[in-house]
Each structure stands twice: as structure tokens, then as C-alpha cells.
Amino acid sequence: MVPRSRWVFVAAITSLVLSACQPNRFVTGWVPYWGGGAGRAVIDNDDASQLIGEVSMMWYGTNADATLNLKASASSLATTVASARAQGLPVLPTIADSQPAGVMRGILANPATRATHVQHIVDLVMANGYDGIDLDYEVFPWGDGITKEDPRITPHWVAFVHELGDELHRRGRLLSVTVPPVWTSNGAVAGYTVYAQEQIAPYVDRLRLMVYDWSLTSPGPIAPISWVNSVIAYSSTRVPVSKLQLGVPAYGRHWATQKYSSETCPDGALYRESVVMTKAAPLAAAHGLTPTRHSSGELTFAWTEVVTGPRTKPITPPAYVPPSTVVTRVDRGVGGTLQPAVRLGKPSASVSCTVQHTAYVPDGISVRQRAEAALAAGWSGIAIWALGYETADVYTELSGVAAQRPGGSPTGSLDTPVVQGTTLRVTGRALHPEFDLPVGVRLTVTPAGGGAAVAQRTVTARVTRAGMPTGVGPFHGFDESFTLTPGTYQVCATLVLWGGTTGPSAGCATATITGAI
């Protein structure tokens, strides 16, 4: 008889092996175009990729004429997409609103230019074989007195998301939208209500909330857990939780502030800079510091130094008085050469001040803390900004999170078709249990006796469906209708997986159209 302690040991090892082999895909993230190499290294890492559910390459921007542009190398984008495809991951590139304030707002307010913009996005997705698109439109709410709370622009935004979602879903593709958060403070709603989370929720497959940058102008945590919990509580009551992802920072900030107001600081002594996670430990070590855990959940460290140097004083240029006449010729100046303009006076004598340095950065433990808060609320998981900024301990910590997806092979089933007059209604379910994103389904209708298809349609299986496995959400049903002439037909359903790969059959069924109601 084997001792019980040995059985416990074997069971523990077996559990570790299974968790290593079975993907637990509750992590997503963005790869910025300026960090493609670092982002690809994360995707190519098998330990990290087992946790990743989809990837968004932030490579696209918007133009003033409602078209799109590529912000960096097409070859670098293709290489990043290839890394994701090699790991079997969905690809939903991100489009960032890269126009000045007011431009995108005008595009969305006009039905004609809005439709043009939608078409350009759909064309981009289809031409490149993407599984969908992610929108990050952070600029459009601003300009001309408009603020993030102004309700006048919300209907145009909602119409845009609705129209784009419909066009993508009728092609079997997905729509993700990334927005700033909303929360409650002292009983009042705060944040970016203009994005109307509850109104766009029916048309999106993923809603990512950028829950970071809490502290900007003064030292403080980037995403304090108390704020995170308030955001989770708010959105959980307005959006189906399986569609929600919590944006988590893989960066912190370092502030250099003036310690004593009585002192004068030299130029460049005071600043604020971002610090990605991979650079935080070297920064602390360079000053002989060991970070400590702050009540926000993040790490923090601080030091002071006396900084000495010159302080220049800008000279106010004289007022310009236009001449009464305009000359036709300008002399080259004394000696035939124009002299450079001078806008600064000579540096003053050196000054000194005491600078307070303060840094707040996340680590693997704080990322896991936020992930578990989101998952406990039933959310899909987290989205990391940005892949390549994080340290290895992030995935070490996240690998210990309990399994969120049931796992297994893609599967589907076709219900018995319903005939009413000349209409054939086709319903069923389709899903990939490793992922909670909807998959595509290709529906094909042929004469029962054989012959060419009389109708074929690829749709996104995103209709609410009861009885779905725990962890994937309810949005894996399909419900489509075909208008047919009288006759007997066979309808078949086939899953369409990431990258347009043909998946397994969900079954076939026969139905007779009589034309009678």
C-alpha cells in the first residue's frame, strides 16, 4: 500500500503538470508599434502564451478623411501577427484615434463620413484576415468646449460602434473597444461616461477598461486597488461581465519634485517620467533601495538629492508692429550674412535645491491582485499595457491563478431548423473552450438531393445561449434565417476559427420549405 503522503505528492505534481499543459487564457494585451520586438518575445514565450487569450497590435491610426494609416513598419506588424498565429491566438489589431481633438468627433457626427470610416475598418480586417479589430478612440471626446462628460456626442459614438459591430459580425469577425473607466466617488459617478458602456455593450465582444494613470501630476500609485475595485463594481452592473477586461499597467512612474519651496531649482531638476516594470528594479538598485509594498498594492521607493546647476530666464520678446509698407527685397545683412536670433539670456549663477524622488511601480504580485479582483467579479480577465513592459514574475504569479476556461477542442451543435413559410431559421451553438471570445460559423444551404449551395453565410456566434460551460460566458449561440423557394434542403454549420481556419462541423440537418405559412 502506498503511503497517503506519497499520493498527495503525486497528486500535487500531476496538478502542476496539467496546469502547465492546459492553457488558462485570461490574459490579453497590446503590443505597441514602438516595442514590437519586446512584445513578440512575450508572445513567443510558451509560459506566457499559455495565459494569453488574444493579442492587439497597436499599429493603426486614423486620418482626417476617415481613412486609416499604418503608424510603423508593415513588416514588423506582419512578424508580430505571425508570432500570434504560431501560438494559435486571435488577432485583433488596435486602431488609435490619432487626429487632433474634434476631428474624429466630426467624422462620427456625420452619417456619411461615419459610414465611410466603418467601411475602411471592415476592409482592413477582411483584407488582412484579422479576427476582428480593437478601437482605442481616446481623443474624439475633446475640443471646442466638449468634455469627457458631455452627452451631446454620445449618440454618434454609439451609432458608430453599433454600425461597425453589425458589419463585422455579419462577416464572422469580432469587435473590441478600449475605453477609459467610470467609477463612483463619494456616491457620485466619476470618469468617462461619454463612452456609454451600457449602450455599446450589445454590439461589442470585448470591452477593455484602461484602469491606470490615477496619479499624474503628483506622486502616487498608478492603479490603486481601491480605485480598481470601484471601477469593477460600476461596470459589472452595466455590461455583461464576461465581455469585460481590466486594463492593468506594466509600468509605473518616477517623479522628481521640489522638497523645499524656499529653494530655487536649476533647469531640468524637476520632472516626471514613466518607468516600465523591467526598469524599476535597476532604478531602485542604483540608489541602494529596496522597494516596499504600498497600501495601494504597488511597490514604492524614494530618495532625495541636492541638485546644482544654472537656471536660465527666458526673455520676453518685444511686441511685433507690422510695417506700414511691404518691401520687395530683403538685404542679406551686414557682411552678407544674417545673424541668429537670441531668445535666452545668459545663464544665471548656479542654484541648488533638494529634489524629492518618488517612484510607484507594479510587480507580479500587484498584477495578480488586480487579475483576481476582476476574475472574482466574473470578468474575462486582464489586458496588459503593454506586452514587453512586464517582468517575468508577472507570469510566474499569474500561472498560479485557478483555471478560468474549461479547455478542450472547438465544438458546436446545430438545432433542428424551424420552417415558417419560405423562411428557414437556423440556430445552434459554437465555441472554442480555451477562449471566451465568440467564434465564426459558416452556414451552408444546399438542395437535399445534392448540387451547388443556394445560400452561404459566415456569422459570429455571439447570441446569448443557455447551458454554456463555466468560464466562457453565454455569448456562443447563432440564430440566422434564410428565405428560400419551396423544396427540401440540407443546412450545415462549420466552425471558423482564428485566422479563418476551418474548424469542426457543428452538424447538418434537413428541412422542407412548402411556402405555406
Protein backbone atom coordinates (compact mmCIF):
# COMPACT_ATOMS: atom_id res chain seq x y z
CA MET A 1 0.00 0.00 0.00
CA VAL A 2 1.35 3.45 -0.98
CA PRO A 3 1.53 5.91 1.94
CA ARG A 4 -1.03 8.70 1.79
CA SER A 5 1.72 11.37 1.88
CA ARG A 6 3.16 9.93 -1.32
CA TRP A 7 -0.24 10.01 -3.01
CA VAL A 8 -0.59 13.65 -2.03
CA PHE A 9 2.83 14.38 -3.51
CA VAL A 10 1.98 12.58 -6.77
CA ALA A 11 -1.34 14.40 -6.98
CA ALA A 12 0.37 17.76 -6.49
CA ILE A 13 2.92 17.03 -9.21
CA THR A 14 0.15 15.83 -11.53
CA SER A 15 -1.75 19.07 -10.89
CA LEU A 16 1.31 21.13 -11.76
CA VAL A 17 1.89 19.17 -14.97
CA LEU A 18 -1.74 19.54 -16.01
CA SER A 19 -1.73 23.27 -15.29
CA ALA A 20 1.42 23.65 -17.37
CA CYS A 21 -0.11 21.77 -20.31
CA GLN A 22 -3.62 23.17 -20.13
CA PRO A 23 -3.88 26.82 -21.24
CA ASN A 24 -5.58 29.19 -18.82
CA ARG A 25 -6.32 32.10 -21.15
CA PHE A 26 -7.45 35.06 -19.07
CA VAL A 27 -4.66 37.47 -20.09
CA THR A 28 -4.62 39.71 -23.15
CA GLY A 29 -2.58 42.75 -24.05
CA TRP A 30 -1.36 45.28 -26.54
CA VAL A 31 1.89 45.30 -28.48
CA PRO A 32 2.80 48.93 -29.32
CA TYR A 33 4.44 49.59 -32.67
CA TRP A 34 7.48 51.09 -30.94
CA GLY A 35 8.01 47.88 -28.92
CA GLY A 36 7.32 45.11 -31.40
CA GLY A 37 10.41 43.08 -30.55
CA ALA A 38 9.75 43.03 -26.80
CA GLY A 39 6.06 42.24 -27.37
CA ARG A 40 6.88 39.37 -29.70
CA ALA A 41 9.25 37.93 -27.12
CA VAL A 42 6.32 37.64 -24.70
CA ILE A 43 4.05 36.03 -27.31
CA ASP A 44 6.81 33.60 -28.33
CA ASN A 45 7.39 32.56 -24.71
CA ASP A 46 5.39 29.38 -24.16
CA ASP A 47 4.88 30.04 -20.44
CA ALA A 48 3.31 33.43 -21.14
CA SER A 49 1.42 32.37 -24.27
CA GLN A 50 -0.43 29.66 -22.30
CA LEU A 51 -2.12 32.51 -20.41
CA ILE A 52 -2.83 34.77 -23.37
CA GLY A 53 -6.29 34.78 -24.95
CA GLU A 54 -5.83 37.33 -27.74
CA VAL A 55 -3.36 39.98 -28.88
CA SER A 56 -3.86 43.55 -30.13
CA MET A 57 -1.11 45.14 -32.20
CA MET A 58 -1.32 48.92 -31.84
CA TRP A 59 -0.15 49.75 -35.36
CA TYR A 60 -3.02 51.71 -36.95
CA GLY A 61 -4.09 55.34 -36.76
CA THR A 62 -6.84 57.49 -38.24
CA ASN A 63 -6.79 60.21 -40.92
CA ALA A 64 -8.89 63.36 -41.23
CA ASP A 65 -10.69 61.95 -44.30
CA ALA A 66 -11.96 58.91 -42.31
CA THR A 67 -9.31 56.59 -43.77
CA LEU A 68 -6.68 54.69 -41.79
CA ASN A 69 -2.91 54.75 -41.70
CA LEU A 70 -0.13 52.41 -40.70
CA LYS A 71 1.97 54.00 -37.96
CA ALA A 72 5.06 51.84 -38.34
CA SER A 73 6.69 49.12 -40.42
CA ALA A 74 4.32 46.73 -42.18
CA SER A 75 6.95 44.01 -41.97
CA SER A 76 7.25 44.42 -38.19
CA LEU A 77 3.47 44.17 -37.90
CA ALA A 78 3.42 41.06 -40.08
CA THR A 79 6.10 39.44 -37.91
CA THR A 80 4.12 40.21 -34.75
CA VAL A 81 0.93 38.81 -36.27
CA ALA A 82 2.86 35.70 -37.30
CA SER A 83 4.02 35.18 -33.71
CA ALA A 84 0.42 35.29 -32.50
CA ARG A 85 -0.74 32.94 -35.25
CA ALA A 86 2.04 30.49 -34.41
CA GLN A 87 0.62 30.29 -30.87
CA GLY A 88 -2.93 29.84 -32.19
CA LEU A 89 -4.11 33.18 -30.82
CA PRO A 90 -6.83 35.53 -32.09
CA VAL A 91 -5.51 38.74 -33.64
CA LEU A 92 -7.46 41.97 -33.05
CA PRO A 93 -5.21 44.90 -34.04
CA THR A 94 -5.85 48.27 -32.42
CA ILE A 95 -6.80 51.47 -34.20
CA ALA A 96 -5.92 54.59 -32.20
CA ASP A 97 -7.66 57.89 -32.86
CA SER A 98 -4.58 59.85 -33.92
CA GLN A 99 -6.31 63.04 -35.10
CA PRO A 100 -6.42 66.38 -33.25
CA ALA A 101 -9.32 66.99 -30.89
CA GLY A 102 -12.58 67.49 -32.74
CA VAL A 103 -11.68 65.71 -35.99
CA MET A 104 -12.96 62.22 -35.16
CA ARG A 105 -15.94 63.76 -33.40
CA GLY A 106 -16.86 65.42 -36.70
CA ILE A 107 -16.39 62.18 -38.65
CA LEU A 108 -18.70 60.26 -36.32
CA ALA A 109 -21.33 63.02 -36.22
CA ASN A 110 -21.84 62.88 -39.99
CA PRO A 111 -23.66 59.68 -41.13
CA ALA A 112 -21.87 59.70 -44.50
CA THR A 113 -18.32 60.06 -43.15
CA ARG A 114 -19.14 57.66 -40.31
CA ALA A 115 -20.22 55.03 -42.85
CA THR A 116 -17.02 55.66 -44.82
CA HIS A 117 -14.94 55.18 -41.67
CA VAL A 118 -16.78 51.95 -40.84
CA GLN A 119 -16.15 50.63 -44.34
CA HIS A 120 -12.43 51.37 -44.17
CA ILE A 121 -12.18 49.46 -40.89
CA VAL A 122 -14.11 46.47 -42.26
CA ASP A 123 -11.96 46.47 -45.40
CA LEU A 124 -8.81 46.48 -43.25
CA VAL A 125 -10.00 43.49 -41.23
CA MET A 126 -11.07 41.45 -44.24
CA ALA A 127 -8.08 42.25 -46.44
CA ASN A 128 -5.62 41.15 -43.76
CA GLY A 129 -7.51 38.17 -42.40
CA TYR A 130 -7.73 39.64 -38.91
CA ASP A 131 -10.16 38.08 -36.44
CA GLY A 132 -11.55 41.48 -35.61
CA ILE A 133 -10.48 44.95 -34.52
CA ASP A 134 -9.90 46.87 -31.30
CA LEU A 135 -10.78 50.58 -31.06
CA ASP A 136 -8.87 52.96 -28.81
CA TYR A 137 -10.51 56.34 -29.52
CA GLU A 138 -9.24 58.48 -26.66
CA VAL A 139 -9.16 61.84 -28.48
CA PHE A 140 -12.62 62.20 -30.01
CA PRO A 141 -14.46 63.43 -26.85
CA TRP A 142 -12.31 66.57 -26.61
CA GLY A 143 -12.17 70.00 -28.25
CA ASP A 144 -14.40 73.05 -28.78
CA GLY A 145 -15.64 73.08 -25.22
CA ILE A 146 -16.58 69.38 -25.30
CA THR A 147 -15.55 67.34 -22.26
CA LYS A 148 -15.48 63.69 -21.36
CA GLU A 149 -18.88 64.01 -19.64
CA ASP A 150 -20.65 65.89 -22.46
CA PRO A 151 -23.68 63.82 -23.56
CA ARG A 152 -24.09 65.56 -26.93
CA ILE A 153 -21.57 63.35 -28.68
CA THR A 154 -22.59 60.04 -27.11
CA PRO A 155 -25.31 59.19 -29.71
CA HIS A 156 -22.78 59.49 -32.55
CA TRP A 157 -20.32 57.25 -30.73
CA VAL A 158 -22.99 54.63 -30.00
CA ALA A 159 -24.19 54.70 -33.62
CA PHE A 160 -20.60 54.17 -34.81
CA VAL A 161 -19.99 51.18 -32.54
CA HIS A 162 -23.39 49.71 -33.47
CA GLU A 163 -22.81 50.04 -37.21
CA LEU A 164 -19.25 48.74 -37.07
CA GLY A 165 -20.24 45.81 -34.85
CA ASP A 166 -23.03 44.79 -37.21
CA GLU A 167 -20.74 44.89 -40.25
CA LEU A 168 -18.04 42.82 -38.55
CA HIS A 169 -20.41 40.28 -37.02
CA ARG A 170 -22.16 39.54 -40.30
CA ARG A 171 -18.72 38.54 -41.58
CA GLY A 172 -17.86 36.33 -38.63
CA ARG A 173 -15.45 38.87 -37.10
CA LEU A 174 -15.14 40.47 -33.66
CA LEU A 175 -15.25 43.96 -32.18
CA SER A 176 -13.24 45.01 -29.13
CA VAL A 177 -13.46 48.53 -27.72
CA THR A 178 -10.98 50.05 -25.27
CA VAL A 179 -12.20 52.96 -23.14
CA PRO A 180 -11.23 54.93 -20.03
CA PRO A 181 -13.09 53.88 -16.88
CA VAL A 182 -16.04 55.11 -14.87
CA TRP A 183 -16.27 54.75 -11.09
CA THR A 184 -18.05 56.20 -8.09
CA SER A 185 -16.59 58.72 -5.67
CA ASN A 186 -18.47 59.76 -2.54
CA GLY A 187 -21.63 58.37 -4.05
CA ALA A 188 -21.28 60.30 -7.33
CA VAL A 189 -20.39 58.86 -10.73
CA ALA A 190 -16.97 59.97 -12.00
CA GLY A 191 -14.95 59.28 -15.11
CA TYR A 192 -15.61 58.94 -18.82
CA THR A 193 -19.35 58.48 -19.11
CA VAL A 194 -19.31 59.74 -22.71
CA TYR A 195 -18.33 56.24 -23.89
CA ALA A 196 -21.71 54.92 -22.69
CA GLN A 197 -20.58 51.43 -21.68
CA GLU A 198 -24.10 50.06 -21.21
CA GLN A 199 -25.25 51.39 -24.59
CA ILE A 200 -22.40 49.94 -26.65
CA ALA A 201 -22.27 46.63 -24.74
CA PRO A 202 -24.72 44.78 -27.07
CA TYR A 203 -22.52 45.49 -30.10
CA VAL A 204 -19.08 44.61 -28.73
CA ASP A 205 -17.46 41.28 -27.95
CA ARG A 206 -14.83 42.75 -25.66
CA LEU A 207 -14.83 45.92 -23.58
CA ARG A 208 -11.45 46.81 -22.11
CA LEU A 209 -11.18 49.44 -19.40
CA MET A 210 -7.92 51.37 -19.08
CA VAL A 211 -7.70 51.44 -15.30
CA TYR A 212 -4.39 53.22 -14.89
CA ASP A 213 -2.92 56.73 -14.64
CA TRP A 214 -4.66 57.51 -11.36
CA SER A 215 -1.67 59.66 -10.34
CA LEU A 216 -0.25 62.01 -12.95
CA THR A 217 0.69 65.47 -11.69
CA SER A 218 1.85 64.42 -8.23
CA PRO A 219 3.46 61.26 -6.84
CA GLY A 220 1.10 58.39 -6.16
CA PRO A 221 0.07 54.92 -7.30
CA ILE A 222 -0.75 54.25 -10.96
CA ALA A 223 -3.73 51.99 -10.28
CA PRO A 224 -4.59 51.78 -6.57
CA ILE A 225 -6.62 48.69 -5.78
CA SER A 226 -9.36 50.75 -4.10
CA TRP A 227 -9.95 52.59 -7.39
CA VAL A 228 -9.76 49.35 -9.34
CA ASN A 229 -12.45 47.82 -7.14
CA SER A 230 -14.70 50.84 -7.65
CA VAL A 231 -14.33 50.55 -11.44
CA ILE A 232 -15.11 46.83 -11.30
CA ALA A 233 -18.20 47.45 -9.18
CA TYR A 234 -19.53 50.12 -11.55
CA SER A 235 -19.04 48.33 -14.86
CA SER A 236 -20.23 44.98 -13.53
CA THR A 237 -23.72 46.43 -13.19
CA ARG A 238 -23.80 47.86 -16.71
CA VAL A 239 -22.05 45.39 -19.01
CA PRO A 240 -22.25 41.57 -19.17
CA VAL A 241 -19.23 40.64 -17.08
CA SER A 242 -17.87 38.01 -19.48
CA LYS A 243 -17.25 40.80 -22.01
CA LEU A 244 -15.18 42.91 -19.63
CA GLN A 245 -11.42 43.05 -19.27
CA LEU A 246 -9.46 45.06 -16.73
CA GLY A 247 -6.64 47.12 -18.21
CA VAL A 248 -3.57 46.64 -15.99
CA PRO A 249 -0.38 48.71 -16.24
CA ALA A 250 3.03 47.12 -16.68
CA TYR A 251 4.66 50.46 -15.98
CA GLY A 252 4.97 52.94 -13.15
CA ARG A 253 6.20 56.49 -12.74
CA HIS A 254 9.10 58.35 -11.21
CA TRP A 255 8.57 61.93 -10.03
CA ALA A 256 11.31 64.43 -9.20
CA THR A 257 9.66 67.18 -7.14
CA GLN A 258 10.87 70.17 -5.17
CA LYS A 259 11.21 69.35 -1.49
CA TYR A 260 11.51 72.89 -0.08
CA SER A 261 9.61 75.79 -1.61
CA SER A 262 12.16 78.28 -0.30
CA GLU A 263 14.83 76.93 -2.66
CA THR A 264 15.35 77.63 -6.35
CA CYS A 265 15.87 74.62 -8.59
CA PRO A 266 18.12 74.59 -11.66
CA ASP A 267 16.77 73.81 -15.09
CA GLY A 268 15.82 70.18 -15.63
CA ALA A 269 15.87 69.25 -11.97
CA LEU A 270 12.12 68.63 -11.73
CA TYR A 271 10.36 66.15 -13.99
CA ARG A 272 8.08 63.15 -14.31
CA GLU A 273 8.94 60.04 -16.30
CA SER A 274 7.39 56.67 -16.98
CA VAL A 275 9.21 53.58 -15.75
CA VAL A 276 8.38 50.21 -17.30
CA MET A 277 8.49 47.26 -14.93
CA THR A 278 11.73 45.92 -16.37
CA LYS A 279 13.50 49.20 -15.47
CA ALA A 280 12.11 49.63 -11.96
CA ALA A 281 14.44 47.26 -10.09
CA PRO A 282 17.60 48.71 -11.69
CA LEU A 283 16.42 52.22 -10.80
CA ALA A 284 15.94 51.27 -7.15
CA ALA A 285 19.22 49.36 -7.03
CA ALA A 286 21.12 52.31 -8.49
CA HIS A 287 20.20 54.23 -5.34
CA GLY A 288 20.71 51.33 -2.94
CA LEU A 289 16.99 50.98 -2.27
CA THR A 290 14.63 48.08 -1.67
CA PRO A 291 11.05 48.83 -2.78
CA THR A 292 8.30 48.38 -0.21
CA ARG A 293 4.65 47.44 -0.68
CA HIS A 294 2.33 50.45 -0.58
CA SER A 295 -1.28 50.24 0.65
CA SER A 296 -2.37 50.66 -3.00
CA GLY A 297 -0.85 47.25 -3.73
CA GLU A 298 2.03 48.70 -5.75
CA LEU A 299 5.71 48.94 -4.91
CA THR A 300 7.24 52.28 -3.97
CA PHE A 301 10.66 53.69 -3.19
CA ALA A 302 12.03 57.20 -2.68
CA TRP A 303 15.24 59.16 -2.18
CA THR A 304 16.43 62.76 -2.05
CA GLU A 305 19.36 64.53 -3.67
CA VAL A 306 20.71 68.05 -3.88
CA VAL A 307 20.89 69.29 -7.47
CA THR A 308 23.09 72.21 -8.53
CA GLY A 309 23.19 73.98 -11.87
CA PRO A 310 22.28 77.11 -13.83
CA ARG A 311 18.77 78.48 -14.17
CA THR A 312 18.10 80.40 -17.37
CA LYS A 313 15.44 83.08 -17.60
CA PRO A 314 13.58 83.45 -20.90
CA ILE A 315 13.46 86.98 -22.29
CA THR A 316 10.03 88.19 -23.32
CA PRO A 317 10.29 89.16 -26.99
CA PRO A 318 9.17 92.69 -27.89
CA ALA A 319 5.73 93.21 -29.35
CA TYR A 320 5.61 92.98 -33.13
CA VAL A 321 4.36 96.03 -35.01
CA PRO A 322 3.61 95.35 -38.70
CA PRO A 323 5.35 97.81 -41.08
CA SER A 324 3.25 100.31 -42.97
CA THR A 325 4.80 99.22 -46.27
CA VAL A 326 5.97 95.89 -47.68
CA VAL A 327 9.39 95.77 -49.31
CA THR A 328 10.07 93.73 -52.41
CA ARG A 329 13.64 92.87 -51.46
CA VAL A 330 15.45 91.95 -48.25
CA ASP A 331 19.16 92.70 -47.86
CA ARG A 332 21.37 89.88 -46.65
CA GLY A 333 22.57 91.87 -43.67
CA VAL A 334 25.93 93.19 -42.56
CA GLY A 335 28.73 91.23 -44.14
CA GLY A 336 26.29 89.37 -46.34
CA THR A 337 25.10 87.01 -43.58
CA LEU A 338 22.02 87.10 -41.37
CA GLN A 339 22.68 86.61 -37.66
CA PRO A 340 20.86 84.01 -35.50
CA ALA A 341 18.07 85.22 -33.25
CA VAL A 342 18.68 85.14 -29.50
CA ARG A 343 15.74 84.19 -27.26
CA LEU A 344 17.52 83.36 -23.98
CA GLY A 345 19.73 85.41 -21.76
CA LYS A 346 23.00 84.16 -20.39
CA PRO A 347 22.70 81.51 -17.65
CA SER A 348 22.44 82.85 -14.17
CA ALA A 349 24.75 81.84 -11.39
CA SER A 350 24.38 78.26 -10.16
CA VAL A 351 21.48 77.49 -7.86
CA SER A 352 20.78 74.45 -5.69
CA CYS A 353 17.69 72.71 -4.38
CA THR A 354 16.73 69.48 -2.67
CA VAL A 355 14.84 67.18 -5.03
CA GLN A 356 12.47 64.51 -3.72
CA HIS A 357 12.42 61.43 -5.94
CA THR A 358 9.39 59.12 -5.63
CA ALA A 359 8.54 56.06 -7.69
CA TYR A 360 5.47 53.83 -7.82
CA VAL A 361 5.56 50.66 -9.91
CA PRO A 362 3.55 47.44 -10.18
CA ASP A 363 5.04 43.97 -9.93
CA GLY A 364 3.87 40.39 -10.39
CA ILE A 365 2.03 40.36 -7.07
CA SER A 366 0.11 43.58 -7.74
CA VAL A 367 -0.81 42.40 -11.26
CA ARG A 368 -2.12 39.12 -9.84
CA GLN A 369 -4.06 41.03 -7.18
CA ARG A 370 -5.88 43.01 -9.87
CA ALA A 371 -6.43 39.94 -12.02
CA GLU A 372 -8.03 38.06 -9.15
CA ALA A 373 -10.26 41.05 -8.34
CA ALA A 374 -11.51 41.10 -11.94
CA LEU A 375 -11.95 37.33 -12.16
CA ALA A 376 -13.79 37.22 -8.82
CA ALA A 377 -16.35 39.58 -10.40
CA GLY A 378 -16.76 37.23 -13.37
CA TRP A 379 -14.78 39.37 -15.81
CA SER A 380 -12.98 37.78 -18.75
CA GLY A 381 -9.59 38.71 -17.32
CA ILE A 382 -6.97 41.41 -17.73
CA ALA A 383 -5.39 43.34 -20.60
CA ILE A 384 -1.77 44.36 -20.03
CA TRP A 385 -0.40 47.67 -21.24
CA ALA A 386 1.92 46.78 -22.71
CA LEU A 387 3.28 43.35 -23.60
CA GLY A 388 7.03 43.66 -23.34
CA TYR A 389 6.99 46.13 -20.45
CA GLU A 390 6.44 43.46 -17.81
CA THR A 391 8.91 41.34 -15.85
CA ALA A 392 8.97 37.53 -15.80
CA ASP A 393 7.49 37.38 -12.30
CA VAL A 394 4.16 38.58 -13.74
CA TYR A 395 3.62 35.26 -15.48
CA THR A 396 5.02 33.30 -12.57
CA GLU A 397 2.34 34.87 -10.38
CA LEU A 398 -0.46 34.59 -12.93
CA SER A 399 0.30 30.91 -13.57
CA GLY A 400 -0.94 30.25 -10.05
CA VAL A 401 -4.42 31.64 -10.74
CA ALA A 402 -7.14 28.98 -10.81
CA ALA A 403 -8.24 27.77 -14.24
CA GLN A 404 -10.77 30.09 -15.87
CA ARG A 405 -11.63 28.16 -19.05
CA PRO A 406 -12.82 24.56 -19.35
CA GLY A 407 -10.35 23.78 -22.15
CA GLY A 408 -10.75 21.20 -24.87
CA SER A 409 -11.34 21.18 -28.60
CA PRO A 410 -13.64 23.54 -30.55
CA THR A 411 -17.18 22.24 -30.60
CA GLY A 412 -20.63 23.11 -31.86
CA SER A 413 -24.11 21.76 -32.45
CA LEU A 414 -26.95 22.54 -34.81
CA ASP A 415 -30.53 22.66 -33.57
CA THR A 416 -33.45 21.32 -35.55
CA PRO A 417 -34.23 24.03 -38.13
CA VAL A 418 -37.55 25.83 -37.91
CA VAL A 419 -39.58 26.46 -41.08
CA GLN A 420 -42.19 29.19 -41.35
CA GLY A 421 -43.49 29.82 -44.85
CA THR A 422 -40.45 30.43 -47.04
CA THR A 423 -38.18 31.21 -44.09
CA LEU A 424 -35.69 28.69 -42.70
CA ARG A 425 -34.45 29.62 -39.23
CA VAL A 426 -31.14 28.05 -38.23
CA THR A 427 -29.92 28.09 -34.61
CA GLY A 428 -27.17 26.38 -32.65
CA ARG A 429 -24.04 26.86 -30.60
CA ALA A 430 -20.31 27.08 -31.37
CA LEU A 431 -17.31 27.76 -29.17
CA HIS A 432 -13.64 27.13 -28.54
CA PRO A 433 -13.46 26.18 -24.83
CA GLU A 434 -9.91 27.54 -24.42
CA PHE A 435 -11.22 31.02 -25.22
CA ASP A 436 -14.23 33.06 -24.21
CA LEU A 437 -14.38 35.07 -27.44
CA PRO A 438 -17.11 34.04 -29.92
CA VAL A 439 -16.04 32.08 -32.98
CA GLY A 440 -17.33 32.29 -36.52
CA VAL A 441 -19.79 29.84 -38.06
CA ARG A 442 -20.22 29.16 -41.78
CA LEU A 443 -23.79 28.20 -42.64
CA THR A 444 -24.33 26.48 -45.98
CA VAL A 445 -27.69 25.59 -47.54
CA THR A 446 -27.79 23.10 -50.43
CA PRO A 447 -30.58 21.12 -52.15
CA ALA A 448 -31.16 17.87 -50.26
CA GLY A 449 -30.52 15.86 -53.42
CA GLY A 450 -27.14 17.45 -53.97
CA GLY A 451 -25.91 20.33 -56.04
CA ALA A 452 -24.41 23.77 -55.56
CA ALA A 453 -25.11 25.81 -52.46
CA VAL A 454 -28.12 28.09 -52.76
CA ALA A 455 -27.02 30.17 -49.76
CA GLN A 456 -23.90 30.53 -47.67
CA ARG A 457 -23.22 32.91 -44.81
CA THR A 458 -20.47 33.31 -42.21
CA VAL A 459 -21.58 34.91 -38.94
CA THR A 460 -20.22 35.42 -35.45
CA ALA A 461 -21.72 33.00 -32.91
CA ARG A 462 -22.40 35.68 -30.29
CA VAL A 463 -26.09 35.27 -29.43
CA THR A 464 -26.86 34.53 -25.79
CA ARG A 465 -27.09 30.78 -25.30
CA ALA A 466 -28.02 28.94 -22.12
CA GLY A 467 -26.04 25.97 -20.84
CA MET A 468 -22.57 27.19 -21.79
CA PRO A 469 -19.60 25.80 -19.84
CA THR A 470 -18.46 27.79 -16.82
CA GLY A 471 -15.83 30.34 -17.71
CA VAL A 472 -16.69 31.10 -21.33
CA GLY A 473 -19.74 33.32 -20.91
CA PRO A 474 -23.13 32.92 -22.59
CA PHE A 475 -22.35 34.53 -25.98
CA HIS A 476 -21.82 31.49 -28.18
CA GLY A 477 -25.10 30.96 -29.99
CA PHE A 478 -26.09 31.66 -33.58
CA ASP A 479 -29.53 32.45 -34.96
CA GLU A 480 -29.86 33.12 -38.69
CA SER A 481 -32.75 32.98 -41.16
CA PHE A 482 -32.78 32.24 -44.89
CA THR A 483 -35.55 32.96 -47.37
CA LEU A 484 -35.84 30.00 -49.79
CA THR A 485 -38.05 28.76 -52.58
CA PRO A 486 -40.14 25.61 -51.90
CA GLY A 487 -38.11 22.43 -51.74
CA THR A 488 -36.11 20.20 -49.41
CA TYR A 489 -32.75 21.48 -48.24
CA GLN A 490 -29.77 20.44 -46.18
CA VAL A 491 -28.23 23.07 -43.94
CA CYS A 492 -24.76 22.53 -42.45
CA ALA A 493 -22.80 24.52 -39.87
CA THR A 494 -18.99 24.61 -39.71
CA LEU A 495 -16.88 26.46 -37.17
CA VAL A 496 -14.48 29.12 -38.46
CA LEU A 497 -11.57 29.63 -36.08
CA TRP A 498 -8.79 32.21 -35.69
CA GLY A 499 -7.17 33.28 -38.90
CA GLY A 500 -10.07 31.89 -40.92
CA THR A 501 -9.08 28.29 -40.21
CA THR A 502 -11.88 25.83 -40.86
CA GLY A 503 -12.90 24.10 -37.67
CA PRO A 504 -15.06 21.07 -36.98
CA SER A 505 -18.59 20.60 -38.22
CA ALA A 506 -21.43 21.57 -35.90
CA GLY A 507 -23.71 19.19 -37.80
CA CYS A 508 -26.18 19.14 -40.66
CA ALA A 509 -29.99 18.99 -40.77
CA THR A 510 -32.68 18.66 -43.42
CA ALA A 511 -35.75 20.86 -43.74
CA THR A 512 -38.56 21.21 -46.27
CA ILE A 513 -39.88 24.58 -47.42
CA THR A 514 -43.50 24.33 -48.52
CA GLY A 515 -44.20 28.01 -48.91
CA ALA A 516 -47.29 27.71 -46.73
CA ILE A 517 -47.49 29.66 -43.51
